[in-house]
Amino acid sequence: MRCELCLKSGMSGNNVSHSNRHTKTRFKANVHKQTLIQDGNQYKVKICSRCLRSLHKSPKFRKALASLKPVAASG
């Protein structure tokens, strides 16, 4: 999965054993599906933990969240 705000995604690399053998591995980003509420609107986003922590600190993240479509209110 990819973070919708910062576009962070996984990387590839190598696991290196004690005998120095290299095997391919995949390092995945810590991305979660989250429902966020801002200005009375609900947004369903896939967001990494770093963006989730920085959401209330930085105006950059608030602008990125405002560019997404709000979820229609059910009920």
Protein backbone atom coordinates (compact mmCIF):
# COMPACT_ATOMS: atom_id res chain seq x y z
CA MET A 1 0.00 0.00 0.00
CA ARG A 2 0.98 3.61 -0.47
CA CYS A 3 0.35 6.61 1.76
CA GLU A 4 -2.07 8.99 0.02
CA LEU A 5 -0.55 12.10 1.61
CA CYS A 6 3.22 11.66 1.29
CA LEU A 7 3.20 8.83 -1.31
CA LYS A 8 5.50 6.70 0.84
CA SER A 9 5.57 3.05 -0.26
CA GLY A 10 7.70 -0.04 0.23
CA MET A 11 11.36 -0.53 -0.62
CA SER A 12 13.37 -3.59 -1.52
CA GLY A 13 16.67 -4.60 -0.02
CA ASN A 14 18.68 -7.52 1.28
CA ASN A 15 18.63 -9.56 4.47
CA VAL A 16 22.26 -10.29 5.31
CA SER A 17 23.00 -13.33 7.43
CA HIS A 18 25.97 -13.88 9.73
CA SER A 19 27.66 -15.84 6.93
CA ASN A 20 27.10 -12.78 4.66
CA ARG A 21 24.51 -14.43 2.40
CA HIS A 22 22.16 -11.91 0.77
CA THR A 23 18.49 -12.73 0.25
CA LYS A 24 16.00 -10.29 -1.22
CA THR A 25 13.39 -8.81 1.11
CA ARG A 26 10.68 -6.19 0.99
CA PHE A 27 10.43 -3.38 3.56
CA LYS A 28 6.80 -2.25 3.65
CA ALA A 29 5.65 1.18 4.78
CA ASN A 30 3.58 1.35 7.97
CA VAL A 31 0.31 2.26 6.20
CA HIS A 32 -3.17 1.95 7.72
CA LYS A 33 -6.70 2.58 6.49
CA GLN A 34 -8.03 5.38 8.64
CA THR A 35 -11.14 7.54 8.79
CA LEU A 36 -10.19 11.12 9.64
CA ILE A 37 -12.53 13.97 10.55
CA GLN A 38 -11.61 17.55 9.65
CA ASP A 39 -13.97 20.54 9.59
CA GLY A 40 -16.96 18.22 10.04
CA ASN A 41 -16.09 16.11 6.97
CA GLN A 42 -15.05 12.47 7.10
CA TYR A 43 -12.19 11.24 4.91
CA LYS A 44 -11.23 7.59 4.37
CA VAL A 45 -7.51 7.51 3.62
CA LYS A 46 -4.59 5.15 3.54
CA ILE A 47 -2.08 6.98 5.72
CA CYS A 48 1.35 6.12 7.10
CA SER A 49 2.04 6.45 10.81
CA ARG A 50 4.44 9.37 10.28
CA CYS A 51 1.77 11.42 8.49
CA LEU A 52 -0.80 10.48 11.11
CA ARG A 53 1.47 11.83 13.84
CA SER A 54 2.30 15.00 11.90
CA LEU A 55 -1.27 15.68 10.76
CA HIS A 56 -2.10 18.28 13.41
CA LYS A 57 1.38 19.88 13.35
CA SER A 58 1.93 20.75 9.72
CA PRO A 59 -0.31 22.79 7.41
CA LYS A 60 1.11 20.81 4.47
CA PHE A 61 -0.75 17.70 5.61
CA ARG A 62 -3.98 19.61 6.25
CA LYS A 63 -3.87 20.99 2.68
CA ALA A 64 -3.27 17.50 1.29
CA LEU A 65 -6.20 16.16 3.30
CA ALA A 66 -8.44 18.98 2.09
CA SER A 67 -7.69 18.03 -1.53
CA LEU A 68 -9.25 14.57 -0.98
CA LYS A 69 -12.97 13.90 -1.45
CA PRO A 70 -15.00 13.64 1.76
CA VAL A 71 -17.00 10.46 2.42
CA ALA A 72 -20.77 10.87 2.04
CA ALA A 73 -22.52 10.87 5.42
CA SER A 74 -24.59 7.73 5.90
CA GLY A 75 -27.87 7.95 7.70
